[in-house]
Protein backbone atom coordinates (compact mmCIF):
# COMPACT_ATOMS: atom_id res chain seq x y z
CA UNK A 1 -0.04 0.03 0.06
CA UNK A 2 2.39 2.57 1.03
CA UNK A 3 4.75 1.37 -2.03
CA UNK A 4 2.31 2.56 -4.47
CA UNK A 5 1.21 5.54 -2.50
CA UNK A 6 4.80 6.75 -2.72
CA UNK A 7 4.95 5.83 -6.52
CA UNK A 8 2.07 8.06 -7.31
CA UNK A 9 3.47 10.97 -5.16
CA UNK A 10 6.53 10.79 -6.86
CA UNK A 11 4.84 11.11 -10.19
CA UNK A 12 2.83 14.47 -9.26
CA UNK A 13 5.87 15.93 -7.41
CA UNK A 14 8.00 15.47 -11.04
CA UNK A 15 4.96 16.98 -12.77
CA UNK A 16 5.19 19.90 -10.37
CA UNK A 17 8.93 20.12 -10.92
CA UNK A 18 8.71 19.95 -14.71
CA UNK A 19 5.90 22.85 -14.32
CA UNK A 20 8.53 25.09 -12.35
CA UNK A 21 11.19 24.34 -14.89
CA UNK A 22 9.21 25.30 -17.78
CA UNK A 23 8.74 28.92 -16.15
CA UNK A 24 5.44 28.59 -14.35
CA UNK A 25 6.97 29.18 -10.95
CA UNK A 26 5.90 32.59 -11.01
CA UNK A 27 1.90 33.42 -10.98
CA UNK A 28 1.42 33.89 -14.72
CA UNK A 29 -1.15 36.74 -15.85
CA UNK A 30 -3.66 34.34 -18.17
CA UNK A 31 -6.55 34.04 -15.35
CA UNK A 32 -6.65 30.15 -16.17
CA UNK A 33 -3.19 29.52 -15.46
CA UNK A 34 -3.42 31.55 -12.23
CA UNK A 35 -6.19 28.56 -11.46
CA UNK A 36 -3.71 25.97 -12.39
CA UNK A 37 -1.06 27.42 -9.97
CA UNK A 38 -3.56 27.50 -7.04
CA UNK A 39 -4.33 23.56 -7.81
CA UNK A 40 -0.68 22.87 -8.02
CA UNK A 41 -0.02 24.99 -4.43
CA UNK A 42 -2.81 22.82 -3.08
CA UNK A 43 -1.36 19.42 -4.44
CA UNK A 44 1.45 20.26 -2.54
CA UNK A 45 0.08 21.05 0.77
CA UNK A 46 -1.88 17.77 0.33
CA UNK A 47 0.89 15.83 -0.82
CA UNK A 48 2.65 17.05 2.70
CA UNK A 49 -0.26 16.15 4.50
CA UNK A 50 -0.47 12.49 3.06
CA UNK A 51 3.27 11.81 3.70
CA UNK A 52 3.00 12.83 7.18
CA UNK A 53 0.02 10.79 7.57
CA UNK A 54 1.71 7.46 5.88
CA UNK A 55 4.74 7.81 8.43
CA UNK A 56 2.41 7.89 11.24
CA UNK A 57 0.75 4.72 10.00
CA UNK A 58 3.90 3.43 9.50
CA UNK A 59 5.10 4.30 13.13
CA UNK A 60 2.18 2.90 14.63
CA UNK A 61 2.25 -0.64 12.84
CA UNK A 62 5.72 -0.96 13.69
CA UNK A 63 5.15 -0.23 17.63
CA UNK A 64 2.33 -2.73 17.55
CA UNK A 65 4.35 -5.42 16.12
CA UNK A 66 2.47 -5.82 12.74
CA UNK A 67 4.32 -7.52 10.04
CA UNK A 68 2.52 -6.95 6.66
CA UNK A 69 2.85 -10.01 4.60
CA UNK A 70 3.93 -9.47 1.23
CA UNK A 71 2.00 -10.22 -1.83
CA UNK A 72 2.92 -13.71 -2.69
CA UNK A 73 2.00 -16.13 -5.28
CA UNK A 74 1.01 -19.76 -4.29
CA UNK A 75 3.01 -22.48 -5.40
CA UNK A 76 0.66 -24.24 -7.56
CA UNK A 77 1.22 -27.04 -9.67
CA UNK A 78 2.10 -25.67 -13.16
CA UNK A 79 -0.76 -28.33 -14.70
CA UNK A 80 -3.58 -29.36 -12.76
CA UNK A 81 -5.33 -31.48 -15.26
CA UNK A 82 -3.80 -34.83 -14.14
CA UNK A 83 -5.09 -36.90 -11.23
CA UNK A 84 -1.77 -38.04 -9.86
CA UNK A 85 -0.06 -36.29 -6.95
CA UNK A 86 1.80 -32.87 -7.69
CA UNK A 87 5.35 -33.21 -6.67
CA UNK A 88 6.69 -30.60 -4.24
CA UNK A 89 2.98 -29.48 -3.26
CA UNK A 90 1.58 -32.77 -1.26
CA UNK A 91 4.89 -33.88 -0.43
CA UNK A 92 5.64 -30.25 1.54
CA UNK A 93 7.00 -30.41 4.69
CA UNK A 94 4.88 -27.00 5.29
CA UNK A 95 2.36 -27.39 8.03
CA UNK A 96 -1.18 -28.36 7.17
CA UNK A 97 -3.52 -25.72 7.09
CA UNK A 98 -7.25 -25.92 8.46
CA UNK A 99 -6.45 -29.70 9.39
CA UNK A 100 -6.59 -30.56 5.61
CA UNK A 101 -10.13 -29.26 5.02
CA UNK A 102 -10.79 -27.22 1.69
CA UNK A 103 -10.73 -23.59 2.28
CA UNK A 104 -12.81 -22.86 -1.19
CA UNK A 105 -15.46 -25.15 0.27
CA UNK A 106 -15.60 -23.47 3.52
CA UNK A 107 -15.49 -19.93 2.25
CA UNK A 108 -17.87 -20.47 -0.90
CA UNK A 109 -20.21 -23.10 0.28
CA UNK A 110 -20.23 -23.03 4.05
CA UNK A 111 -19.02 -26.81 4.34
CA UNK A 112 -16.00 -28.64 5.71
CA UNK A 113 -15.40 -30.91 2.86
CA UNK A 114 -11.65 -32.67 3.30
CA UNK A 115 -8.84 -31.68 0.84
CA UNK A 116 -7.31 -34.42 -1.50
CA UNK A 117 -3.59 -34.64 -1.64
CA UNK A 118 -3.54 -34.50 -5.31
CA UNK A 119 -4.74 -30.96 -4.92
CA UNK A 120 -2.58 -29.30 -2.91
CA UNK A 121 -0.88 -25.87 -2.58
CA UNK A 122 1.44 -23.97 -0.60
CA UNK A 123 0.90 -20.33 0.49
CA UNK A 124 2.79 -18.13 3.15
CA UNK A 125 4.73 -21.40 4.21
CA UNK A 126 1.07 -23.28 4.91
CA UNK A 127 -0.24 -26.40 2.85
CA UNK A 128 -3.70 -25.98 1.74
CA UNK A 129 -5.64 -29.00 0.46
CA UNK A 130 -8.65 -28.86 -1.73
CA UNK A 131 -11.62 -30.91 -2.58
CA UNK A 132 -11.20 -30.95 -6.25
CA UNK A 133 -9.34 -29.21 -9.32
CA UNK A 134 -11.86 -26.42 -9.75
CA UNK A 135 -11.02 -25.32 -5.83
CA UNK A 136 -7.43 -25.34 -6.47
CA UNK A 137 -7.42 -23.07 -9.48
CA UNK A 138 -9.86 -20.86 -8.01
CA UNK A 139 -7.37 -20.30 -4.81
CA UNK A 140 -4.47 -19.97 -6.88
CA UNK A 141 -6.33 -17.17 -8.52
CA UNK A 142 -7.20 -15.41 -5.43
CA UNK A 143 -5.31 -16.94 -2.50
CA UNK A 144 -6.25 -13.90 -0.12
CA UNK A 145 -10.02 -14.51 -0.34
CA UNK A 146 -9.58 -18.15 0.73
CA UNK A 147 -6.53 -18.09 3.50
CA UNK A 148 -7.44 -17.35 7.08
CA UNK A 149 -6.54 -13.68 8.34
CA UNK A 150 -2.74 -13.02 9.32
CA UNK A 151 -1.94 -16.49 7.97
CA UNK A 152 -4.04 -18.03 10.42
CA UNK A 153 -2.38 -16.50 13.57
CA UNK A 154 -4.96 -15.55 16.48
CA UNK A 155 -5.31 -11.52 15.69
CA UNK A 156 -6.15 -11.07 19.17
CA UNK A 157 -3.07 -12.05 20.89
CA UNK A 158 -1.20 -10.43 17.68
CA UNK A 159 -2.94 -7.15 18.56
CA UNK A 160 -2.61 -7.30 22.50
CA UNK A 161 0.52 -9.14 23.22
CA UNK A 162 2.44 -8.74 19.90
CA UNK A 163 2.45 -12.75 19.96
CA UNK A 164 1.95 -14.69 16.90
CA UNK A 165 0.04 -17.94 17.86
CA UNK A 166 -1.63 -20.23 15.71
CA UNK A 167 -5.43 -20.49 15.97
CA UNK A 168 -7.67 -23.56 15.37
CA UNK A 169 -10.40 -23.95 12.95
CA UNK A 170 -12.70 -25.20 15.99
CA UNK A 171 -12.53 -21.70 17.33
CA UNK A 172 -13.08 -19.83 14.06
CA UNK A 173 -15.38 -17.06 12.99
CA UNK A 174 -15.95 -15.84 9.57
CA UNK A 175 -16.39 -11.51 9.63
CA UNK A 176 -16.74 -9.55 6.12
CA UNK A 177 -16.18 -12.48 4.17
CA UNK A 178 -12.85 -13.52 5.72
CA UNK A 179 -11.77 -16.32 8.10
CA UNK A 180 -10.21 -15.67 11.62
CA UNK A 181 -8.99 -18.39 13.86
CA UNK A 182 -8.49 -18.12 17.34
CA UNK A 183 -6.46 -19.91 19.87
CA UNK A 184 -9.13 -20.19 22.59
CA UNK A 185 -12.71 -19.19 23.36
CA UNK A 186 -11.19 -16.13 25.27
CA UNK A 187 -9.70 -14.64 22.48
CA UNK A 188 -12.71 -15.41 20.15
CA UNK A 189 -15.00 -13.77 22.70
CA UNK A 190 -12.61 -10.95 22.54
CA UNK A 191 -12.98 -10.44 19.02
CA UNK A 192 -16.68 -10.54 19.02
CA UNK A 193 -16.74 -7.52 21.25
CA UNK A 194 -14.59 -5.33 18.82
CA UNK A 195 -14.54 -7.06 15.41
CA UNK A 196 -13.85 -4.04 13.48
CA UNK A 197 -11.01 -3.05 15.38
CA UNK A 198 -9.37 -6.42 15.24
CA UNK A 199 -10.28 -6.43 11.49
CA UNK A 200 -8.68 -3.22 10.76
CA UNK A 201 -5.46 -4.57 12.94
CA UNK A 202 -5.56 -7.54 10.15
CA UNK A 203 -6.23 -5.68 7.09
CA UNK A 204 -4.58 -2.26 7.65
CA UNK A 205 -5.36 -1.12 3.93
CA UNK A 206 -8.90 -1.51 4.95
CA UNK A 207 -8.92 0.99 7.67
CA UNK A 208 -11.76 3.69 7.29
CA UNK A 209 -14.13 1.49 6.30
CA UNK A 210 -17.67 2.04 7.15
CA UNK A 211 -18.57 -1.57 6.20
CA UNK A 212 -20.76 -3.35 8.98
CA UNK A 213 -21.42 -7.18 8.93
CA UNK A 214 -22.33 -9.80 11.31
CA UNK A 215 -19.93 -12.29 12.44
CA UNK A 216 -20.66 -16.29 11.75
CA UNK A 217 -18.93 -19.02 13.77
CA UNK A 218 -17.22 -21.83 11.72
CA UNK A 219 -18.78 -24.81 12.57
CA UNK A 220 -18.51 -28.44 11.71
């Protein structure tokens, strides 16, 4: 998020500098150019405020111990047309996510379907299994939609104690179409009392959203 914001800011600043080099640093006589000059001045003030806000957000995330995972493409098999196990995916030493249940079936149909070893993919160091080839392809196309928040860590412990502890599916909740896994009933209950705050912690890029949605327990 910050990288793209800085790129945009850099492009705008380059435009401002170019305009200054072309002789527009002084207020022109043409009224229409006067308006352009005022807009540029406003943009400079807005950019300064945006940079200050970005630095503040970065400091808050760092002090809270938040590590925003970089975008990573899941390790999906190059060819999923066959029925034989895919070498390197099903045999991965990565820990098994969701106890081997298919995250696509859970997200799209609200059913706990066991995944099959021949349809597997590794994402952020965890091994996911899928009920069929269609589910595997759906996951590879949009892994963020189907993976638990914070890579399956308990968001309450992460936010309150800066500890990254694996959650369990038996203490799972779905909120705003995202899965949250918790270590215990206590942390799940804590999430239930302030879900929007914990959601914003797990997904800081959505901070400021007014979206409201009820939570649902993930049940077998």
